[in-house]
Amino acid sequence: MRRHSGYKRHPYDDKVRAKQIVATLLGVTLIGAACTAAPRSPKAPAETGPGGPAPTATPGGPSGGPQVTDAPDINDLRVSTANWATDFTVASVDLGEFQGGGPPKDGIPSIDEPKLESIADAQTWLAPSSPVISLDIGGSARAYPLAILVWHEIVNDTLGGVPVVVTFCPLCHTALVFDRRVADVVHDFGTTGNLRFSDLVMYDRQTESWWQQATGQAIVGSLTDTKLTFLPAQIVSLADFATAYPNGEVLSRDTGENRPYGQNPYPGYDRADERPFLFAGEIDGRLAPKERVVTIDQDGSTIAIPYTALDAMGAIEIDLPEPVVVFWAPGTAAALDGSTIDAGRDVGATGVFAPVVDGQRLTFARTGGREGPITDVETGSTWSITGQATDGPLAGSQLEPVVHGDHFWFAWAAFSPETTIWSAP
C-alpha cells in the first residue's frame, strides 16, 4: 500500500487562489437572480411526507474532532451569527472549528423545487462519462449530475414517496443522500456558507440547526446529536445510469439560477498528492490527502478501500459485521479535474452491495482485464456497476445496495480517524 510522506505546495494553499474561487462562486451568485444571496426565512414545519412513517431520529456517533463536554462559548465562533436563529448555546463540537467558506448563508443556493428531464435530453449536454449521483428508491430512479451539484451542493427532493436531501461537498468529494425526515417533520436544508474540516455545513430551515454533511449529524442548535438516516446512492457515469435505468429521470439545468452548468469552478483540485483547500487540521498521512476511497461503516466497524486497489481488482469482498462486495468499473470522469466536469480523467465508478441473491452467497471476480466484466463464480452471471445481473442464469437479479461513501481520503479520516485501510491479503 502506498504511503504518503509529504505535501507539495498547491495553488489552493495560496490565499490569492482561495479568493479567486470564492469570487467565482459569489460573482455568479450576485449576477444571478437578486434573491440568490439573500438569507431565506425558515419555513413552517412540513407535514410527514408519503412513503411510510418517518424514521426516528437517533443519537449520532463521533462527528470528528474534539467533542465538547462543557457548554459552548459563542465567543469561540469565527463565523458570523448575523441573520441566524440558531441556538448556539447547544453544540456537540468546538465552535472554533467552523470556518467561513466565502459565500454567505444560502449564497450557494439549494435546489428546492427540482425540475426533471429525460435521459435523452440530458445526453444533449452531458457526456456519457459525466458523473451523476444515482438514486433508486422503490424502483424510481433519478440521476443528479455533479455538473449541477457542484454549483448548488444540496437538492431537496422527493423520490419514491420518500423526502430526500441529495448533497455534494466539492472540497471533500463527498456525495451523500439522506432521508430528510426527523421524527414526524420533513426538513428542508440549505447551505450555511461555513465549513468544518473542509466539509459542507448544512442547516435545516425548520430549526436552523447546523448539520455536518459528512456524518449527517446535527452539531449545533436545538437538534444537536440528531442524525439523519443515510440512503444508499452511488456516483456513476450518465451512460451507466442510462443502461441500468432506461426510464430514469435526470435533474434539469432549469433551476431558476444563473450558473455555467458543466464548468468546474475548482479546476485542478483533483490532485491526490496535494493538500485540500480550506482544511484546518492535521491530515492522516496513511494515504495521499485526496486519494479516492470507498468507505463503509457498519456498527462502528469502518474501512476505506482505495480506488487504486479497486482499479487493480475490479471486485473486492470484505467481511464486516455483514459481508459486502465492492465493485469498480471504468468510464466515469473525475468531476474536479479539468476545466469542465466532463473533461476529467477516467477515475471509474464504484458500487457496494450485499453479495447474496435468493439466500445464496455469491463470490465475484473481474475477468478479461481492466475493462472486463464482473462475474460471479457460482453461476457465471455478469454484473453491472449498479449491481444488476445483465447476463447469465441470474439475469434480471439485483444485489441489495449498501450505504457507502466515495470520499477524498483526508475528509473521511477527519471524521473517522480509526478507519482501517484495506490492503490485499
Protein backbone atom coordinates (compact mmCIF):
# COMPACT_ATOMS: atom_id res chain seq x y z
CA MET A 1 0.00 0.00 0.00
CA ARG A 2 1.41 3.35 -0.99
CA ARG A 3 2.09 5.74 1.83
CA HIS A 4 2.27 9.48 1.53
CA SER A 5 5.23 11.15 3.17
CA GLY A 6 4.79 14.84 2.42
CA TYR A 7 2.83 17.55 0.68
CA LYS A 8 3.70 19.83 -2.16
CA ARG A 9 2.66 23.42 -2.12
CA HIS A 10 -0.57 23.74 -4.05
CA PRO A 11 -2.17 26.82 -5.57
CA TYR A 12 -5.17 26.16 -3.34
CA ASP A 13 -2.94 26.82 -0.33
CA ASP A 14 -2.37 30.28 -1.74
CA LYS A 15 -4.75 32.88 -0.33
CA VAL A 16 -4.94 34.55 -3.71
CA ARG A 17 -6.23 31.37 -5.29
CA ALA A 18 -8.68 30.93 -2.43
CA LYS A 19 -10.09 34.38 -3.08
CA GLN A 20 -10.37 33.59 -6.79
CA ILE A 21 -12.53 30.55 -6.11
CA VAL A 22 -14.75 32.40 -3.68
CA ALA A 23 -15.07 35.28 -6.15
CA THR A 24 -16.13 32.82 -8.85
CA LEU A 25 -18.89 31.41 -6.65
CA LEU A 26 -20.01 34.76 -5.27
CA GLY A 27 -19.69 36.54 -8.59
CA VAL A 28 -22.04 34.10 -10.22
CA THR A 29 -24.34 34.35 -7.23
CA LEU A 30 -24.55 38.13 -7.42
CA ILE A 31 -25.00 38.20 -11.19
CA GLY A 32 -27.90 35.76 -10.97
CA ALA A 33 -31.34 36.35 -9.53
CA ALA A 34 -31.48 39.15 -6.98
CA CYS A 35 -32.70 36.86 -4.24
CA THR A 36 -29.87 34.35 -4.63
CA ALA A 37 -27.61 35.63 -1.88
CA ALA A 38 -30.40 36.79 0.40
CA PRO A 39 -30.88 34.75 3.57
CA ARG A 40 -34.02 32.68 3.46
CA SER A 41 -36.51 32.63 6.29
CA PRO A 42 -37.24 29.30 7.95
CA LYS A 43 -40.26 27.54 6.52
CA ALA A 44 -43.04 26.23 8.69
CA PRO A 45 -42.56 22.58 9.68
CA ALA A 46 -43.68 20.34 6.85
CA GLU A 47 -46.12 17.52 7.29
CA THR A 48 -44.88 13.98 7.23
CA GLY A 49 -44.33 13.03 3.61
CA PRO A 50 -45.59 9.93 1.86
CA GLY A 51 -43.55 6.78 1.77
CA GLY A 52 -44.23 5.43 5.24
CA PRO A 53 -43.52 6.68 8.74
CA ALA A 54 -40.56 8.93 9.24
CA PRO A 55 -37.51 7.31 10.81
CA THR A 56 -36.90 8.07 14.45
CA ALA A 57 -34.03 10.46 15.00
CA THR A 58 -31.09 8.66 16.50
CA PRO A 59 -28.19 9.91 18.57
CA GLY A 60 -25.13 10.47 16.46
CA GLY A 61 -21.73 8.93 16.98
CA PRO A 62 -18.44 10.79 16.90
CA SER A 63 -18.57 13.70 14.49
CA GLY A 64 -14.84 14.31 14.17
CA GLY A 65 -12.52 16.46 16.23
CA PRO A 66 -12.78 17.22 19.93
CA GLN A 67 -16.17 16.53 21.49
CA VAL A 68 -17.46 19.36 23.64
CA THR A 69 -18.48 18.42 27.15
CA ASP A 70 -18.88 21.92 28.60
CA ALA A 71 -21.41 24.49 27.45
CA PRO A 72 -20.16 26.02 24.19
CA ASP A 73 -18.86 29.57 24.24
CA ILE A 74 -20.34 31.56 21.38
CA ASN A 75 -17.27 33.80 21.53
CA ASP A 76 -15.27 30.88 20.09
CA LEU A 77 -17.10 31.24 16.77
CA ARG A 78 -15.02 32.73 13.98
CA VAL A 79 -18.00 32.98 11.63
CA SER A 80 -20.89 35.42 11.60
CA THR A 81 -24.04 34.78 13.62
CA ALA A 82 -25.97 37.55 11.88
CA ASN A 83 -29.31 36.51 10.38
CA TRP A 84 -29.23 33.21 12.23
CA ALA A 85 -31.99 31.92 14.53
CA THR A 86 -29.73 29.04 15.61
CA ASP A 87 -29.42 28.17 19.31
CA PHE A 88 -25.64 28.49 19.62
CA THR A 89 -25.77 27.56 23.31
CA VAL A 90 -26.18 23.90 22.29
CA ALA A 91 -23.40 22.18 20.35
CA SER A 92 -21.56 18.86 20.28
CA VAL A 93 -18.34 20.22 18.72
CA ASP A 94 -15.88 23.00 19.32
CA LEU A 95 -17.42 26.18 17.85
CA GLY A 96 -13.94 27.37 16.96
CA GLU A 97 -13.67 24.64 14.31
CA PHE A 98 -16.06 26.38 11.93
CA GLN A 99 -14.51 28.31 9.08
CA GLY A 100 -16.18 30.65 6.62
CA GLY A 101 -16.15 29.29 3.10
CA GLY A 102 -16.72 32.67 1.47
CA PRO A 103 -20.37 32.65 0.32
CA PRO A 104 -22.94 33.74 2.94
CA LYS A 105 -25.92 31.80 4.22
CA ASP A 106 -27.66 30.36 1.15
CA GLY A 107 -25.09 32.12 -1.05
CA ILE A 108 -24.72 28.71 -2.68
CA PRO A 109 -28.46 28.16 -3.22
CA SER A 110 -30.01 24.76 -2.67
CA ILE A 111 -32.41 23.41 -5.27
CA ASP A 112 -35.78 23.21 -3.53
CA GLU A 113 -38.12 22.63 -6.46
CA PRO A 114 -36.13 20.35 -8.75
CA LYS A 115 -37.23 20.03 -12.34
CA LEU A 116 -36.51 16.88 -14.27
CA GLU A 117 -35.69 15.86 -17.80
CA SER A 118 -35.39 12.62 -19.72
CA ILE A 119 -32.12 10.78 -20.17
CA ALA A 120 -32.26 11.66 -23.86
CA ASP A 121 -32.46 15.37 -23.04
CA ALA A 122 -29.62 15.08 -20.54
CA GLN A 123 -27.47 13.39 -23.17
CA THR A 124 -27.66 16.55 -25.30
CA TRP A 125 -25.45 18.44 -22.84
CA LEU A 126 -23.73 15.78 -20.72
CA ALA A 127 -21.08 13.34 -21.97
CA PRO A 128 -21.53 9.58 -21.46
CA SER A 129 -18.77 9.72 -18.83
CA SER A 130 -20.34 12.61 -16.93
CA PRO A 131 -20.58 11.75 -13.21
CA VAL A 132 -24.04 11.65 -11.63
CA ILE A 133 -25.37 10.68 -8.22
CA SER A 134 -27.60 7.68 -8.90
CA LEU A 135 -30.51 7.12 -6.51
CA ASP A 136 -33.09 4.32 -6.72
CA ILE A 137 -35.93 4.17 -4.22
CA GLY A 138 -38.65 1.58 -4.66
CA GLY A 139 -37.99 1.27 -8.37
CA SER A 140 -37.99 5.03 -9.01
CA ALA A 141 -34.55 6.08 -10.27
CA ARG A 142 -33.13 9.58 -10.59
CA ALA A 143 -29.71 10.97 -11.57
CA TYR A 144 -28.30 14.19 -10.12
CA PRO A 145 -25.43 15.46 -12.33
CA LEU A 146 -22.38 16.72 -10.49
CA ALA A 147 -22.27 19.33 -13.28
CA ILE A 148 -25.22 20.89 -11.43
CA LEU A 149 -24.50 19.83 -7.84
CA VAL A 150 -21.05 21.45 -7.84
CA TRP A 151 -22.87 24.81 -8.04
CA HIS A 152 -25.69 24.04 -5.57
CA GLU A 153 -24.44 21.30 -3.22
CA ILE A 154 -27.95 20.48 -1.91
CA VAL A 155 -31.15 19.25 -3.59
CA ASN A 156 -34.33 18.87 -1.53
CA ASP A 157 -36.41 16.31 -3.38
CA THR A 158 -38.94 13.50 -3.03
CA LEU A 159 -38.37 10.16 -4.76
CA GLY A 160 -40.45 7.02 -4.49
CA GLY A 161 -42.58 8.77 -1.89
CA VAL A 162 -39.57 9.44 0.34
CA PRO A 163 -38.43 13.02 1.08
CA VAL A 164 -34.68 13.07 0.45
CA VAL A 165 -31.82 15.53 0.53
CA VAL A 166 -29.09 14.92 -2.04
CA THR A 167 -25.79 16.53 -1.07
CA PHE A 168 -22.37 17.04 -2.62
CA CYS A 169 -19.38 18.74 -1.00
CA PRO A 170 -16.89 19.53 -3.80
CA LEU A 171 -13.95 20.14 -1.44
CA CYS A 172 -14.29 16.64 0.04
CA HIS A 173 -15.81 14.91 -3.00
CA THR A 174 -18.49 13.67 -0.63
CA ALA A 175 -21.81 12.75 -2.28
CA LEU A 176 -24.34 11.57 0.30
CA VAL A 177 -28.10 11.15 0.33
CA PHE A 178 -30.33 11.25 3.41
CA ASP A 179 -33.95 10.81 4.34
CA ARG A 180 -34.81 14.35 5.43
CA ARG A 181 -37.44 13.34 7.96
CA VAL A 182 -36.72 13.79 11.65
CA ALA A 183 -39.43 12.19 13.76
CA ASP A 184 -42.66 13.45 12.16
CA VAL A 185 -41.24 16.52 10.44
CA VAL A 186 -39.87 16.82 6.90
CA HIS A 187 -36.92 19.19 6.99
CA ASP A 188 -35.59 21.40 4.22
CA PHE A 189 -31.86 22.01 4.01
CA GLY A 190 -29.67 24.86 2.84
CA THR A 191 -26.01 25.85 2.93
CA THR A 192 -24.62 27.81 5.88
CA GLY A 193 -21.65 29.10 3.86
CA ASN A 194 -19.41 27.56 6.53
CA LEU A 195 -17.08 24.58 6.59
CA ARG A 196 -15.74 22.26 9.25
CA PHE A 197 -12.68 20.22 8.33
CA SER A 198 -13.31 21.47 4.77
CA ASP A 199 -16.71 19.75 4.74
CA LEU A 200 -20.05 21.35 3.94
CA VAL A 201 -22.05 22.52 6.97
CA MET A 202 -25.75 22.44 6.16
CA TYR A 203 -28.67 23.85 8.11
CA ASP A 204 -32.34 22.94 8.32
CA ARG A 205 -34.82 25.74 7.78
CA GLN A 206 -37.22 24.50 10.44
CA THR A 207 -34.89 24.97 13.45
CA GLU A 208 -31.75 26.45 11.81
CA SER A 209 -29.65 23.78 13.46
CA TRP A 210 -26.30 23.20 11.73
CA TRP A 211 -25.54 19.77 10.30
CA GLN A 212 -22.27 18.13 9.26
CA GLN A 213 -22.76 16.78 5.76
CA ALA A 214 -20.12 14.05 6.10
CA THR A 215 -21.86 12.47 9.09
CA GLY A 216 -25.48 13.54 8.61
CA GLN A 217 -25.44 14.74 12.21
CA ALA A 218 -26.73 17.96 13.77
CA ILE A 219 -23.83 19.53 15.64
CA VAL A 220 -25.14 22.98 16.64
CA GLY A 221 -28.62 24.08 17.64
CA SER A 222 -31.76 22.55 19.10
CA LEU A 223 -31.43 19.30 17.11
CA THR A 224 -27.81 18.67 18.19
CA ASP A 225 -26.92 14.95 18.21
CA THR A 226 -29.83 14.07 15.95
CA LYS A 227 -28.67 12.04 12.97
CA LEU A 228 -30.28 11.73 9.56
CA THR A 229 -30.80 8.31 8.00
CA PHE A 230 -28.38 7.55 5.15
CA LEU A 231 -29.83 6.18 1.92
CA PRO A 232 -27.80 4.03 -0.50
CA ALA A 233 -26.59 6.01 -3.52
CA GLN A 234 -23.57 5.90 -5.82
CA ILE A 235 -21.63 8.07 -8.25
CA VAL A 236 -21.71 6.53 -11.74
CA SER A 237 -21.49 7.79 -15.30
CA LEU A 238 -24.58 9.00 -17.12
CA ALA A 239 -24.07 6.11 -19.53
CA ASP A 240 -24.13 3.56 -16.70
CA PHE A 241 -27.23 5.18 -15.23
CA ALA A 242 -28.97 5.11 -18.61
CA THR A 243 -28.17 1.43 -19.07
CA ALA A 244 -29.42 0.49 -15.61
CA TYR A 245 -32.49 2.73 -15.59
CA PRO A 246 -33.60 3.48 -19.17
CA ASN A 247 -36.79 5.08 -17.84
CA GLY A 248 -35.00 7.07 -15.16
CA GLU A 249 -35.13 10.83 -14.75
CA VAL A 250 -32.31 13.39 -14.58
CA LEU A 251 -32.15 16.65 -12.65
CA SER A 252 -32.57 19.52 -15.13
CA ARG A 253 -30.46 22.66 -15.52
CA ASP A 254 -33.71 24.60 -15.29
CA THR A 255 -33.07 25.58 -11.67
CA GLY A 256 -34.11 29.21 -11.73
CA GLU A 257 -30.49 30.21 -11.11
CA ASN A 258 -27.86 31.58 -13.48
CA ARG A 259 -24.94 29.13 -13.39
CA PRO A 260 -22.45 27.93 -16.02
CA TYR A 261 -23.51 24.31 -15.60
CA GLY A 262 -20.89 21.92 -16.85
CA GLN A 263 -17.95 24.16 -15.95
CA ASN A 264 -15.74 23.25 -12.99
CA PRO A 265 -15.16 26.11 -10.53
CA TYR A 266 -12.33 24.08 -8.93
CA PRO A 267 -10.11 23.17 -11.92
CA GLY A 268 -7.07 21.15 -10.97
CA TYR A 269 -8.35 20.45 -7.44
CA ASP A 270 -8.45 16.73 -8.11
CA ARG A 271 -4.77 16.07 -7.38
CA ALA A 272 -4.37 13.22 -4.90
CA ASP A 273 -1.00 14.25 -3.51
CA GLU A 274 -1.80 17.88 -2.79
CA ARG A 275 -3.26 19.49 0.29
CA PRO A 276 -7.01 20.20 0.32
CA PHE A 277 -8.47 23.66 0.20
CA LEU A 278 -9.66 25.36 3.42
CA PHE A 279 -8.72 22.39 5.60
CA ALA A 280 -7.61 23.43 9.07
CA GLY A 281 -6.27 20.33 10.72
CA GLU A 282 -3.74 17.55 10.59
CA ILE A 283 -4.02 15.22 7.61
CA ASP A 284 -3.86 11.46 8.15
CA GLY A 285 -0.73 10.54 6.20
CA ARG A 286 -1.55 6.87 5.67
CA LEU A 287 -2.78 7.79 2.19
CA ALA A 288 -2.39 10.82 -0.05
CA PRO A 289 -4.78 13.59 1.08
CA LYS A 290 -7.14 13.46 -1.88
CA GLU A 291 -6.78 9.83 -2.82
CA ARG A 292 -10.23 8.48 -3.61
CA VAL A 293 -11.55 5.85 -1.24
CA VAL A 294 -14.75 3.86 -0.90
CA THR A 295 -15.82 3.94 2.73
CA ILE A 296 -18.13 1.66 4.68
CA ASP A 297 -19.28 1.94 8.29
CA GLN A 298 -21.14 -0.99 9.82
CA ASP A 299 -21.89 -0.86 13.54
CA GLY A 300 -18.73 1.10 14.20
CA SER A 301 -16.51 -1.07 12.01
CA THR A 302 -15.11 1.34 9.42
CA ILE A 303 -13.00 0.55 6.41
CA ALA A 304 -11.64 2.53 3.46
CA ILE A 305 -10.75 0.87 0.15
CA PRO A 306 -8.53 2.93 -2.17
CA TYR A 307 -9.73 3.28 -5.75
CA THR A 308 -6.26 2.14 -6.84
CA ALA A 309 -6.89 -1.26 -5.26
CA LEU A 310 -10.34 -1.49 -6.81
CA ASP A 311 -8.99 -0.49 -10.21
CA ALA A 312 -6.48 -3.34 -9.97
CA MET A 313 -9.00 -5.99 -8.89
CA GLY A 314 -12.46 -4.94 -10.09
CA ALA A 315 -14.28 -6.60 -7.18
CA ILE A 316 -13.28 -6.88 -3.52
CA GLU A 317 -15.19 -8.85 -0.90
CA ILE A 318 -15.00 -7.82 2.74
CA ASP A 319 -16.48 -9.37 5.87
CA LEU A 320 -17.62 -6.62 8.22
CA PRO A 321 -20.44 -7.39 10.65
CA GLU A 322 -22.19 -8.25 7.36
CA PRO A 323 -20.41 -9.36 4.17
CA VAL A 324 -20.17 -6.82 1.34
CA VAL A 325 -18.74 -6.76 -2.16
CA VAL A 326 -17.31 -3.60 -3.69
CA PHE A 327 -17.38 -3.23 -7.48
CA TRP A 328 -15.32 -0.88 -9.62
CA ALA A 329 -15.74 -0.17 -13.34
CA PRO A 330 -14.09 2.37 -15.67
CA GLY A 331 -15.90 5.07 -17.61
CA THR A 332 -16.71 7.86 -15.12
CA ALA A 333 -14.96 11.23 -15.29
CA ALA A 334 -13.31 12.98 -12.32
CA ALA A 335 -15.59 15.95 -11.72
CA LEU A 336 -12.97 18.28 -10.24
CA ASP A 337 -10.08 17.57 -12.59
CA GLY A 338 -10.47 19.56 -15.81
CA SER A 339 -11.91 22.93 -16.74
CA THR A 340 -15.26 21.23 -17.34
CA ILE A 341 -16.89 18.46 -15.35
CA ASP A 342 -16.82 16.03 -18.28
CA ALA A 343 -13.19 16.73 -19.20
CA GLY A 344 -11.75 14.98 -16.15
CA ARG A 345 -9.69 11.83 -16.37
CA ASP A 346 -11.39 8.45 -16.05
CA VAL A 347 -11.45 7.52 -12.35
CA GLY A 348 -14.19 4.93 -12.67
CA ALA A 349 -17.23 4.28 -10.50
CA THR A 350 -17.94 2.07 -7.51
CA GLY A 351 -20.85 0.19 -6.02
CA VAL A 352 -21.21 -1.61 -2.69
CA PHE A 353 -23.66 -4.47 -2.28
CA ALA A 354 -24.67 -7.44 -0.16
CA PRO A 355 -23.27 -10.45 -2.10
CA VAL A 356 -26.42 -12.55 -1.72
CA VAL A 357 -29.21 -13.45 -4.15
CA ASP A 358 -32.19 -15.54 -3.02
CA GLY A 359 -30.25 -16.68 0.03
CA GLN A 360 -27.21 -17.78 -1.98
CA ARG A 361 -23.85 -16.21 -1.13
CA LEU A 362 -22.01 -15.30 -4.30
CA THR A 363 -18.33 -14.77 -4.98
CA PHE A 364 -17.28 -12.17 -7.54
CA ALA A 365 -14.27 -11.57 -9.77
CA ARG A 366 -13.38 -9.50 -12.79
CA THR A 367 -12.37 -11.33 -15.94
CA GLY A 368 -10.57 -10.11 -19.03
CA GLY A 369 -8.54 -7.16 -17.75
CA ARG A 370 -9.37 -3.66 -16.53
CA GLU A 371 -12.43 -3.26 -18.72
CA GLY A 372 -13.54 -6.85 -18.39
CA PRO A 373 -16.89 -7.82 -16.87
CA ILE A 374 -17.53 -8.74 -13.25
CA THR A 375 -18.99 -12.22 -12.92
CA ASP A 376 -19.96 -14.47 -10.05
CA VAL A 377 -18.12 -17.75 -9.66
CA GLU A 378 -21.20 -19.74 -8.69
CA THR A 379 -23.36 -19.14 -11.81
CA GLY A 380 -21.14 -17.23 -14.23
CA SER A 381 -23.66 -14.39 -14.43
CA THR A 382 -22.40 -10.95 -15.44
CA TRP A 383 -22.97 -7.97 -13.14
CA SER A 384 -23.06 -4.23 -13.76
CA ILE A 385 -21.65 -1.43 -11.61
CA THR A 386 -25.19 -0.79 -10.36
CA GLY A 387 -25.47 -4.35 -9.01
CA GLN A 388 -27.71 -5.75 -11.73
CA ALA A 389 -27.17 -9.14 -13.35
CA THR A 390 -27.17 -8.40 -17.06
CA ASP A 391 -26.43 -11.87 -18.45
CA GLY A 392 -26.39 -15.49 -17.34
CA PRO A 393 -28.66 -17.61 -15.13
CA LEU A 394 -29.26 -14.72 -12.70
CA ALA A 395 -30.02 -12.10 -15.37
CA GLY A 396 -32.53 -9.60 -14.01
CA SER A 397 -31.48 -10.08 -10.39
CA GLN A 398 -30.50 -7.07 -8.30
CA LEU A 399 -27.98 -7.06 -5.46
CA GLU A 400 -29.07 -5.10 -2.40
CA PRO A 401 -27.14 -1.81 -2.25
CA VAL A 402 -25.18 -0.95 0.89
CA VAL A 403 -24.72 2.58 2.23
CA HIS A 404 -21.22 3.79 1.47
CA GLY A 405 -19.29 6.88 0.50
CA ASP A 406 -16.85 7.91 -2.21
CA HIS A 407 -14.60 10.43 -0.46
CA PHE A 408 -11.25 12.08 -0.68
CA TRP A 409 -9.21 10.31 1.99
CA PHE A 410 -8.47 13.37 4.12
CA ALA A 411 -12.19 14.09 4.57
CA TRP A 412 -13.16 10.60 5.66
CA ALA A 413 -10.17 10.32 8.00
CA ALA A 414 -11.05 13.63 9.67
CA PHE A 415 -14.36 12.22 10.86
CA SER A 416 -13.43 8.53 11.20
CA PRO A 417 -9.78 8.51 12.32
CA GLU A 418 -9.93 4.88 13.50
CA THR A 419 -10.68 3.62 9.99
CA THR A 420 -8.86 0.56 8.73
CA ILE A 421 -7.38 0.88 5.24
CA TRP A 422 -7.99 -2.23 3.18
CA SER A 423 -4.97 -3.98 1.71
CA ALA A 424 -4.75 -7.19 -0.27
CA PRO A 425 -4.34 -10.33 1.83
